[in-house]
Structures are given as structure tokens and as C-alpha cells.
Amino acid sequence: MEALRKALVAGAILGVGAGVGSALFVLVTPGEERIQAMLKEMPGQDPRGREETARNKQLVLATLQEAAATQENVAWRKNWMGAGGGKSA
């Protein structure tokens, strides 16, 4: 009988702990409006930043395509924007 009582007490304590944890989670979690505000503040949401990122990706892709098309080692270039100007492999 004592073992059953201990098991019930332990179960009740665990249940209370889970309930308190769930209540705190609900209190701390931001609402839908706050989530939308946080998403708007993220760095990737700025139109100018997105354009700059897209331009950088285009430059990297163009450099990779040029590197694939030539035997020159483009990593040795001092000016990555132009052709030539560095050591060649």
C-alpha cells in the first residue's frame, strides 16, 4: 500500500511540474502580432538588402562559371571583378 501511495505522490508531483512548465511556456510565447513584427525586423526582409544579396550571388555565380570555363586559377586574382591580372596555374 505504501508503494502505491509513493507512486501516486510522485505522479502528482510530476503532473504539477508539467502543468507549471506548460503554463509558463504559454505565458512566455509571443503572440501572433509579435511574431509578425519580429519577422519584419529580420535582416532578410529589407528590399535593399535582398537586392544586394541577389547581386552578390550573381557575381559569385559569374565568377564560378568563368572559372569553370578557363584554365586560369581565378583564386590568384587581385581584382576579382575583372579578367586576368594575376598568376596563372
PDB file of N, CA and C in Angstrom:
ATOM      1  N   MET A   1       0.813  -1.183   0.000  1.00  0.00           N
ATOM      2  CA  MET A   1       0.000   0.000   0.000  1.00  0.00           C
ATOM      3  C   MET A   1       0.866   1.261   0.000  1.00  0.00           C
ATOM      4  N   GLU A   2       1.995   1.159   0.717  1.00  0.00           N
ATOM      5  CA  GLU A   2       2.909   2.302   0.792  1.00  0.00           C
ATOM      6  C   GLU A   2       3.517   2.602  -0.575  1.00  0.00           C
ATOM      7  N   ALA A   3       3.819   1.560  -1.369  1.00  0.00           N
ATOM      8  CA  ALA A   3       4.399   1.747  -2.696  1.00  0.00           C
ATOM      9  C   ALA A   3       3.406   2.457  -3.624  1.00  0.00           C
ATOM     10  N   LEU A   4       2.127   2.087  -3.516  1.00  0.00           N
ATOM     11  CA  LEU A   4       1.098   2.742  -4.325  1.00  0.00           C
ATOM     12  C   LEU A   4       0.979   4.218  -3.958  1.00  0.00           C
ATOM     13  N   ARG A   5       1.056   4.497  -2.688  1.00  0.00           N
ATOM     14  CA  ARG A   5       0.968   5.890  -2.223  1.00  0.00           C
ATOM     15  C   ARG A   5       2.153   6.707  -2.742  1.00  0.00           C
ATOM     16  N   LYS A   6       3.354   6.141  -2.687  1.00  0.00           N
ATOM     17  CA  LYS A   6       4.541   6.831  -3.190  1.00  0.00           C
ATOM     18  C   LYS A   6       4.438   7.066  -4.701  1.00  0.00           C
ATOM     19  N   ALA A   7       3.933   6.071  -5.416  1.00  0.00           N
ATOM     20  CA  ALA A   7       3.786   6.211  -6.864  1.00  0.00           C
ATOM     21  C   ALA A   7       2.780   7.306  -7.202  1.00  0.00           C
ATOM     22  N   LEU A   8       1.675   7.370  -6.461  1.00  0.00           N
ATOM     23  CA  LEU A   8       0.671   8.406  -6.705  1.00  0.00           C
ATOM     24  C   LEU A   8       1.219   9.793  -6.381  1.00  0.00           C
ATOM     25  N   VAL A   9       1.969   9.901  -5.289  1.00  0.00           N
ATOM     26  CA  VAL A   9       2.576  11.194  -4.927  1.00  0.00           C
ATOM     27  C   VAL A   9       3.584  11.623  -5.994  1.00  0.00           C
ATOM     28  N   ALA A  10       4.410  10.686  -6.438  1.00  0.00           N
ATOM     29  CA  ALA A  10       5.402  11.003  -7.474  1.00  0.00           C
ATOM     30  C   ALA A  10       4.698  11.422  -8.766  1.00  0.00           C
ATOM     31  N   GLY A  11       3.635  10.731  -9.142  1.00  0.00           N
ATOM     32  CA  GLY A  11       2.874  11.086 -10.336  1.00  0.00           C
ATOM     33  C   GLY A  11       2.233  12.463 -10.210  1.00  0.00           C
ATOM     34  N   ALA A  12       1.719  12.763  -9.030  1.00  0.00           N
ATOM     35  CA  ALA A  12       1.107  14.073  -8.805  1.00  0.00           C
ATOM     36  C   ALA A  12       2.143  15.182  -8.893  1.00  0.00           C
ATOM     37  N   ILE A  13       3.315  14.954  -8.328  1.00  0.00           N
ATOM     38  CA  ILE A  13       4.381  15.957  -8.377  1.00  0.00           C
ATOM     39  C   ILE A  13       4.830  16.187  -9.826  1.00  0.00           C
ATOM     40  N   LEU A  14       4.990  15.110 -10.570  1.00  0.00           N
ATOM     41  CA  LEU A  14       5.372  15.246 -11.981  1.00  0.00           C
ATOM     42  C   LEU A  14       4.288  15.964 -12.778  1.00  0.00           C
ATOM     43  N   GLY A  15       3.038  15.659 -12.494  1.00  0.00           N
ATOM     44  CA  GLY A  15       1.933  16.317 -13.176  1.00  0.00           C
ATOM     45  C   GLY A  15       1.877  17.807 -12.886  1.00  0.00           C
ATOM     46  N   VAL A  16       2.092  18.158 -11.624  1.00  0.00           N
ATOM     47  CA  VAL A  16       2.110  19.572 -11.244  1.00  0.00           C
ATOM     48  C   VAL A  16       3.279  20.277 -11.938  1.00  0.00           C
ATOM     49  N   GLY A  17       4.428  19.644 -11.971  1.00  0.00           N
ATOM     50  CA  GLY A  17       5.594  20.236 -12.641  1.00  0.00           C
ATOM     51  C   GLY A  17       5.344  20.447 -14.123  1.00  0.00           C
ATOM     52  N   ALA A  18       4.734  19.463 -14.761  1.00  0.00           N
ATOM     53  CA  ALA A  18       4.426  19.596 -16.185  1.00  0.00           C
ATOM     54  C   ALA A  18       3.397  20.703 -16.410  1.00  0.00           C
ATOM     55  N   GLY A  19       2.424  20.803 -15.530  1.00  0.00           N
ATOM     56  CA  GLY A  19       1.420  21.856 -15.647  1.00  0.00           C
ATOM     57  C   GLY A  19       2.020  23.242 -15.487  1.00  0.00           C
ATOM     58  N   VAL A  20       2.896  23.399 -14.501  1.00  0.00           N
ATOM     59  CA  VAL A  20       3.554  24.694 -14.294  1.00  0.00           C
ATOM     60  C   VAL A  20       4.437  25.036 -15.500  1.00  0.00           C
ATOM     61  N   GLY A  21       5.161  24.065 -15.996  1.00  0.00           N
ATOM     62  CA  GLY A  21       6.010  24.299 -17.169  1.00  0.00           C
ATOM     63  C   GLY A  21       5.193  24.697 -18.387  1.00  0.00           C
ATOM     64  N   SER A  22       4.073  24.029 -18.611  1.00  0.00           N
ATOM     65  CA  SER A  22       3.213  24.365 -19.743  1.00  0.00           C
ATOM     66  C   SER A  22       2.633  25.768 -19.595  1.00  0.00           C
ATOM     67  N   ALA A  23       2.209  26.119 -18.389  1.00  0.00           N
ATOM     68  CA  ALA A  23       1.656  27.452 -18.154  1.00  0.00           C
ATOM     69  C   ALA A  23       2.708  28.525 -18.405  1.00  0.00           C
ATOM     70  N   LEU A  24       3.931  28.304 -17.947  1.00  0.00           N
ATOM     71  CA  LEU A  24       4.998  29.272 -18.185  1.00  0.00           C
ATOM     72  C   LEU A  24       5.322  29.388 -19.667  1.00  0.00           C
ATOM     73  N   PHE A  25       5.299  28.280 -20.376  1.00  0.00           N
ATOM     74  CA  PHE A  25       5.557  28.301 -21.819  1.00  0.00           C
ATOM     75  C   PHE A  25       4.505  29.139 -22.533  1.00  0.00           C
ATOM     76  N   VAL A  26       3.245  28.975 -22.164  1.00  0.00           N
ATOM     77  CA  VAL A  26       2.163  29.737 -22.787  1.00  0.00           C
ATOM     78  C   VAL A  26       2.320  31.223 -22.478  1.00  0.00           C
ATOM     79  N   LEU A  27       2.738  31.565 -21.268  1.00  0.00           N
ATOM     80  CA  LEU A  27       2.916  32.966 -20.896  1.00  0.00           C
ATOM     81  C   LEU A  27       4.079  33.626 -21.628  1.00  0.00           C
ATOM     82  N   VAL A  28       5.140  32.871 -21.880  1.00  0.00           N
ATOM     83  CA  VAL A  28       6.343  33.436 -22.473  1.00  0.00           C
ATOM     84  C   VAL A  28       6.256  33.497 -24.000  1.00  0.00           C
ATOM     85  N   THR A  29       5.546  32.602 -24.626  1.00  0.00           N
ATOM     86  CA  THR A  29       5.466  32.541 -26.076  1.00  0.00           C
ATOM     87  C   THR A  29       4.829  33.820 -26.620  1.00  0.00           C
ATOM     88  N   PRO A  30       5.470  34.469 -27.634  1.00  0.00           N
ATOM     89  CA  PRO A  30       4.910  35.710 -28.171  1.00  0.00           C
ATOM     90  C   PRO A  30       3.630  35.441 -28.967  1.00  0.00           C
ATOM     91  N   GLY A  31       2.786  36.464 -29.012  1.00  0.00           N
ATOM     92  CA  GLY A  31       1.544  36.358 -29.761  1.00  0.00           C
ATOM     93  C   GLY A  31       1.783  36.490 -31.254  1.00  0.00           C
ATOM     94  N   GLU A  32       0.722  36.332 -32.032  1.00  0.00           N
ATOM     95  CA  GLU A  32       0.835  36.377 -33.488  1.00  0.00           C
ATOM     96  C   GLU A  32       1.327  37.743 -33.976  1.00  0.00           C
ATOM     97  N   GLU A  33       0.861  38.825 -33.356  1.00  0.00           N
ATOM     98  CA  GLU A  33       1.291  40.159 -33.766  1.00  0.00           C
ATOM     99  C   GLU A  33       2.787  40.347 -33.525  1.00  0.00           C
ATOM    100  N   ARG A  34       3.248  39.872 -32.384  1.00  0.00           N
ATOM    101  CA  ARG A  34       4.670  39.997 -32.058  1.00  0.00           C
ATOM    102  C   ARG A  34       5.516  39.146 -32.997  1.00  0.00           C
ATOM    103  N   ILE A  35       5.016  37.988 -33.369  1.00  0.00           N
ATOM    104  CA  ILE A  35       5.749  37.127 -34.308  1.00  0.00           C
ATOM    105  C   ILE A  35       5.881  37.828 -35.649  1.00  0.00           C
ATOM    106  N   GLN A  36       4.797  38.449 -36.132  1.00  0.00           N
ATOM    107  CA  GLN A  36       4.847  39.165 -37.408  1.00  0.00           C
ATOM    108  C   GLN A  36       5.811  40.342 -37.329  1.00  0.00           C
ATOM    109  N   ALA A  37       5.816  41.056 -36.214  1.00  0.00           N
ATOM    110  CA  ALA A  37       6.743  42.177 -36.047  1.00  0.00           C
ATOM    111  C   ALA A  37       8.189  41.690 -36.050  1.00  0.00           C
ATOM    112  N   MET A  38       8.436  40.563 -35.408  1.00  0.00           N
ATOM    113  CA  MET A  38       9.791  40.012 -35.379  1.00  0.00           C
ATOM    114  C   MET A  38      10.232  39.591 -36.777  1.00  0.00           C
ATOM    115  N   LEU A  39       9.334  39.020 -37.555  1.00  0.00           N
ATOM    116  CA  LEU A  39       9.677  38.610 -38.915  1.00  0.00           C
ATOM    117  C   LEU A  39      10.006  39.814 -39.790  1.00  0.00           C
ATOM    118  N   LYS A  40       9.290  40.923 -39.592  1.00  0.00           N
ATOM    119  CA  LYS A  40       9.559  42.125 -40.380  1.00  0.00           C
ATOM    120  C   LYS A  40      10.920  42.724 -40.041  1.00  0.00           C
ATOM    121  N   GLU A  41      11.371  42.533 -38.805  1.00  0.00           N
ATOM    122  CA  GLU A  41      12.643  43.091 -38.365  1.00  0.00           C
ATOM    123  C   GLU A  41      13.844  42.249 -38.781  1.00  0.00           C
ATOM    124  N   MET A  42      13.622  41.079 -39.326  1.00  0.00           N
ATOM    125  CA  MET A  42      14.732  40.202 -39.693  1.00  0.00           C
ATOM    126  C   MET A  42      15.523  40.812 -40.846  1.00  0.00           C
ATOM    127  N   PRO A  43      16.839  40.563 -40.890  1.00  0.00           N
ATOM    128  CA  PRO A  43      17.687  41.199 -41.897  1.00  0.00           C
ATOM    129  C   PRO A  43      17.301  40.866 -43.332  1.00  0.00           C
ATOM    130  N   GLY A  44      16.810  39.692 -43.602  1.00  0.00           N
ATOM    131  CA  GLY A  44      16.487  39.294 -44.964  1.00  0.00           C
ATOM    132  C   GLY A  44      15.228  39.923 -45.513  1.00  0.00           C
ATOM    133  N   GLN A  45      14.487  40.670 -44.708  1.00  0.00           N
ATOM    134  CA  GLN A  45      13.220  41.239 -45.150  1.00  0.00           C
ATOM    135  C   GLN A  45      13.382  42.615 -45.791  1.00  0.00           C
ATOM    136  N   ASP A  46      14.539  43.249 -45.654  1.00  0.00           N
ATOM    137  CA  ASP A  46      14.776  44.567 -46.221  1.00  0.00           C
ATOM    138  C   ASP A  46      14.942  44.444 -47.737  1.00  0.00           C
ATOM    139  N   PRO A  47      14.147  45.166 -48.557  1.00  0.00           N
ATOM    140  CA  PRO A  47      14.262  45.041 -50.018  1.00  0.00           C
ATOM    141  C   PRO A  47      15.661  45.386 -50.532  1.00  0.00           C
ATOM    142  N   ARG A  48      16.277  46.422 -49.957  1.00  0.00           N
ATOM    143  CA  ARG A  48      17.616  46.808 -50.412  1.00  0.00           C
ATOM    144  C   ARG A  48      18.623  45.705 -50.084  1.00  0.00           C
ATOM    145  N   GLY A  49      18.473  45.098 -48.913  1.00  0.00           N
ATOM    146  CA  GLY A  49      19.368  44.005 -48.528  1.00  0.00           C
ATOM    147  C   GLY A  49      19.186  42.782 -49.416  1.00  0.00           C
ATOM    148  N   ARG A  50      17.938  42.510 -49.796  1.00  0.00           N
ATOM    149  CA  ARG A  50      17.687  41.376 -50.694  1.00  0.00           C
ATOM    150  C   ARG A  50      18.306  41.623 -52.059  1.00  0.00           C
ATOM    151  N   GLU A  51      18.230  42.875 -52.560  1.00  0.00           N
ATOM    152  CA  GLU A  51      18.828  43.191 -53.859  1.00  0.00           C
ATOM    153  C   GLU A  51      20.348  43.033 -53.806  1.00  0.00           C
ATOM    154  N   GLU A  52      20.934  43.486 -52.707  1.00  0.00           N
ATOM    155  CA  GLU A  52      22.378  43.364 -52.556  1.00  0.00           C
ATOM    156  C   GLU A  52      22.796  41.895 -52.482  1.00  0.00           C
ATOM    157  N   THR A  53      22.039  41.104 -51.763  1.00  0.00           N
ATOM    158  CA  THR A  53      22.334  39.674 -51.662  1.00  0.00           C
ATOM    159  C   THR A  53      22.203  38.997 -53.024  1.00  0.00           C
ATOM    160  N   ALA A  54      21.164  39.356 -53.772  1.00  0.00           N
ATOM    161  CA  ALA A  54      20.978  38.780 -55.107  1.00  0.00           C
ATOM    162  C   ALA A  54      22.136  39.165 -56.020  1.00  0.00           C
ATOM    163  N   ARG A  55      22.587  40.420 -55.937  1.00  0.00           N
ATOM    164  CA  ARG A  55      23.710  40.875 -56.761  1.00  0.00           C
ATOM    165  C   ARG A  55      24.989  40.114 -56.395  1.00  0.00           C
ATOM    166  N   ASN A  56      25.221  39.923 -55.096  1.00  0.00           N
ATOM    167  CA  ASN A  56      26.409  39.174 -54.672  1.00  0.00           C
ATOM    168  C   ASN A  56      26.362  37.740 -55.178  1.00  0.00           C
ATOM    169  N   LYS A  57      25.182  37.139 -55.126  1.00  0.00           N
ATOM    170  CA  LYS A  57      25.049  35.762 -55.625  1.00  0.00           C
ATOM    171  C   LYS A  57      25.314  35.708 -57.119  1.00  0.00           C
ATOM    172  N   GLN A  58      24.864  36.732 -57.864  1.00  0.00           N
ATOM    173  CA  GLN A  58      25.116  36.774 -59.304  1.00  0.00           C
ATOM    174  C   GLN A  58      26.616  36.885 -59.586  1.00  0.00           C
ATOM    175  N   LEU A  59      27.318  37.730 -58.814  1.00  0.00           N
ATOM    176  CA  LEU A  59      28.763  37.879 -59.006  1.00  0.00           C
ATOM    177  C   LEU A  59      29.503  36.581 -58.705  1.00  0.00           C
ATOM    178  N   VAL A  60      29.112  35.913 -57.638  1.00  0.00           N
ATOM    179  CA  VAL A  60      29.759  34.643 -57.293  1.00  0.00           C
ATOM    180  C   VAL A  60      29.498  33.598 -58.372  1.00  0.00           C
ATOM    181  N   LEU A  61      28.258  33.537 -58.851  1.00  0.00           N
ATOM    182  CA  LEU A  61      27.926  32.570 -59.895  1.00  0.00           C
ATOM    183  C   LEU A  61      28.692  32.872 -61.181  1.00  0.00           C
ATOM    184  N   ALA A  62      28.792  34.148 -61.544  1.00  0.00           N
ATOM    185  CA  ALA A  62      29.545  34.521 -62.750  1.00  0.00           C
ATOM    186  C   ALA A  62      31.012  34.149 -62.605  1.00  0.00           C
ATOM    187  N   THR A  63      31.582  34.367 -61.427  1.00  0.00           N
ATOM    188  CA  THR A  63      32.981  34.007 -61.190  1.00  0.00           C
ATOM    189  C   THR A  63      33.179  32.501 -61.282  1.00  0.00           C
ATOM    190  N   LEU A  64      32.250  31.739 -60.710  1.00  0.00           N
ATOM    191  CA  LEU A  64      32.356  30.274 -60.786  1.00  0.00           C
ATOM    192  C   LEU A  64      32.215  29.770 -62.214  1.00  0.00           C
ATOM    193  N   GLN A  65      31.300  30.376 -62.968  1.00  0.00           N
ATOM    194  CA  GLN A  65      31.133  29.960 -64.362  1.00  0.00           C
ATOM    195  C   GLN A  65      32.381  30.289 -65.175  1.00  0.00           C
ATOM    196  N   GLU A  66      32.967  31.464 -64.926  1.00  0.00           N
ATOM    197  CA  GLU A  66      34.188  31.830 -65.643  1.00  0.00           C
ATOM    198  C   GLU A  66      35.335  30.906 -65.261  1.00  0.00           C
ATOM    199  N   ALA A  67      35.422  30.569 -63.967  1.00  0.00           N
ATOM    200  CA  ALA A  67      36.478  29.673 -63.511  1.00  0.00           C
ATOM    201  C   ALA A  67      36.331  28.293 -64.131  1.00  0.00           C
ATOM    202  N   ALA A  68      35.104  27.864 -64.326  1.00  0.00           N
ATOM    203  CA  ALA A  68      34.881  26.554 -64.938  1.00  0.00           C
ATOM    204  C   ALA A  68      35.213  26.563 -66.424  1.00  0.00           C
ATOM    205  N   ALA A  69      35.123  27.733 -67.057  1.00  0.00           N
ATOM    206  CA  ALA A  69      35.329  27.817 -68.499  1.00  0.00           C
ATOM    207  C   ALA A  69      36.789  28.075 -68.870  1.00  0.00           C
ATOM    208  N   THR A  70      37.641  28.394 -67.925  1.00  0.00           N
ATOM    209  CA  THR A  70      39.026  28.741 -68.229  1.00  0.00           C
ATOM    210  C   THR A  70      39.987  27.866 -67.441  1.00  0.00           C
ATOM    211  N   GLN A  71      41.231  27.854 -67.901  1.00  0.00           N
ATOM    212  CA  GLN A  71      42.275  27.113 -67.190  1.00  0.00           C
ATOM    213  C   GLN A  71      42.975  27.982 -66.162  1.00  0.00           C
ATOM    214  N   GLU A  72      42.681  29.311 -66.164  1.00  0.00           N
ATOM    215  CA  GLU A  72      43.323  30.231 -65.235  1.00  0.00           C
ATOM    216  C   GLU A  72      42.836  29.972 -63.805  1.00  0.00           C
ATOM    217  N   ASN A  73      43.738  30.128 -62.866  1.00  0.00           N
ATOM    218  CA  ASN A  73      43.374  29.990 -61.461  1.00  0.00           C
ATOM    219  C   ASN A  73      42.848  31.341 -60.980  1.00  0.00           C
ATOM    220  N   VAL A  74      41.527  31.492 -60.948  1.00  0.00           N
ATOM    221  CA  VAL A  74      40.930  32.785 -60.612  1.00  0.00           C
ATOM    222  C   VAL A  74      41.113  33.141 -59.146  1.00  0.00           C
ATOM    223  N   ALA A  75      41.516  32.206 -58.314  1.00  0.00           N
ATOM    224  CA  ALA A  75      41.739  32.499 -56.901  1.00  0.00           C
ATOM    225  C   ALA A  75      42.949  33.399 -56.694  1.00  0.00           C
ATOM    226  N   TRP A  76      43.843  33.447 -57.656  1.00  0.00           N
ATOM    227  CA  TRP A  76      45.044  34.261 -57.532  1.00  0.00           C
ATOM    228  C   TRP A  76      44.817  35.693 -57.984  1.00  0.00           C
ATOM    229  N   ARG A  77      43.672  36.024 -58.489  1.00  0.00           N
ATOM    230  CA  ARG A  77      43.410  37.377 -58.983  1.00  0.00           C
ATOM    231  C   ARG A  77      43.413  38.388 -57.849  1.00  0.00           C
ATOM    232  N   LYS A  78      43.999  39.543 -58.131  1.00  0.00           N
ATOM    233  CA  LYS A  78      43.928  40.636 -57.172  1.00  0.00           C
ATOM    234  C   LYS A  78      42.602  41.370 -57.323  1.00  0.00           C
ATOM    235  N   ASN A  79      42.118  41.506 -58.535  1.00  0.00           N
ATOM    236  CA  ASN A  79      40.841  42.152 -58.806  1.00  0.00           C
ATOM    237  C   ASN A  79      39.882  41.092 -59.327  1.00  0.00           C
ATOM    238  N   TRP A  80      38.963  40.664 -58.497  1.00  0.00           N
ATOM    239  CA  TRP A  80      38.062  39.588 -58.858  1.00  0.00           C
ATOM    240  C   TRP A  80      36.998  40.042 -59.852  1.00  0.00           C
ATOM    241  N   MET A  81      36.822  41.346 -59.981  1.00  0.00           N
ATOM    242  CA  MET A  81      35.778  41.855 -60.874  1.00  0.00           C
ATOM    243  C   MET A  81      36.211  41.811 -62.339  1.00  0.00           C
ATOM    244  N   GLY A  82      37.500  41.804 -62.581  1.00  0.00           N
ATOM    245  CA  GLY A  82      37.984  41.830 -63.968  1.00  0.00           C
ATOM    246  C   GLY A  82      38.697  40.556 -64.327  1.00  0.00           C
ATOM    247  N   ALA A  83      38.947  40.405 -65.626  1.00  0.00           N
ATOM    248  CA  ALA A  83      39.643  39.205 -66.099  1.00  0.00           C
ATOM    249  C   ALA A  83      41.148  39.444 -66.041  1.00  0.00           C
ATOM    250  N   GLY A  84      41.895  38.375 -65.840  1.00  0.00           N
ATOM    251  CA  GLY A  84      43.341  38.452 -65.835  1.00  0.00           C
ATOM    252  C   GLY A  84      43.888  39.183 -64.629  1.00  0.00           C
ATOM    253  N   GLY A  85      45.178  39.570 -64.713  1.00  0.00           N
ATOM    254  CA  GLY A  85      45.759  40.372 -63.662  1.00  0.00           C
ATOM    255  C   GLY A  85      46.342  39.594 -62.504  1.00  0.00           C
ATOM    256  N   GLY A  86      46.466  38.303 -62.619  1.00  0.00           N
ATOM    257  CA  GLY A  86      47.014  37.534 -61.510  1.00  0.00           C
ATOM    258  C   GLY A  86      47.899  36.428 -62.020  1.00  0.00           C
ATOM    259  N   LYS A  87      48.378  35.614 -61.113  1.00  0.00           N
ATOM    260  CA  LYS A  87      49.172  34.455 -61.500  1.00  0.00           C
ATOM    261  C   LYS A  87      48.267  33.451 -62.184  1.00  0.00           C
ATOM    262  N   SER A  88      48.825  32.677 -63.046  1.00  0.00           N
ATOM    263  CA  SER A  88      48.015  31.615 -63.644  1.00  0.00           C
ATOM    264  C   SER A  88      48.636  30.280 -63.319  1.00  0.00           C
ATOM    265  N   ALA A  89      47.806  29.298 -63.263  1.00  0.00           N
ATOM    266  CA  ALA A  89      48.254  27.978 -62.846  1.00  0.00           C
ATOM    267  C   ALA A  89      48.867  27.226 -63.983  1.00  0.00           C
TER     268      ALA A  89
END
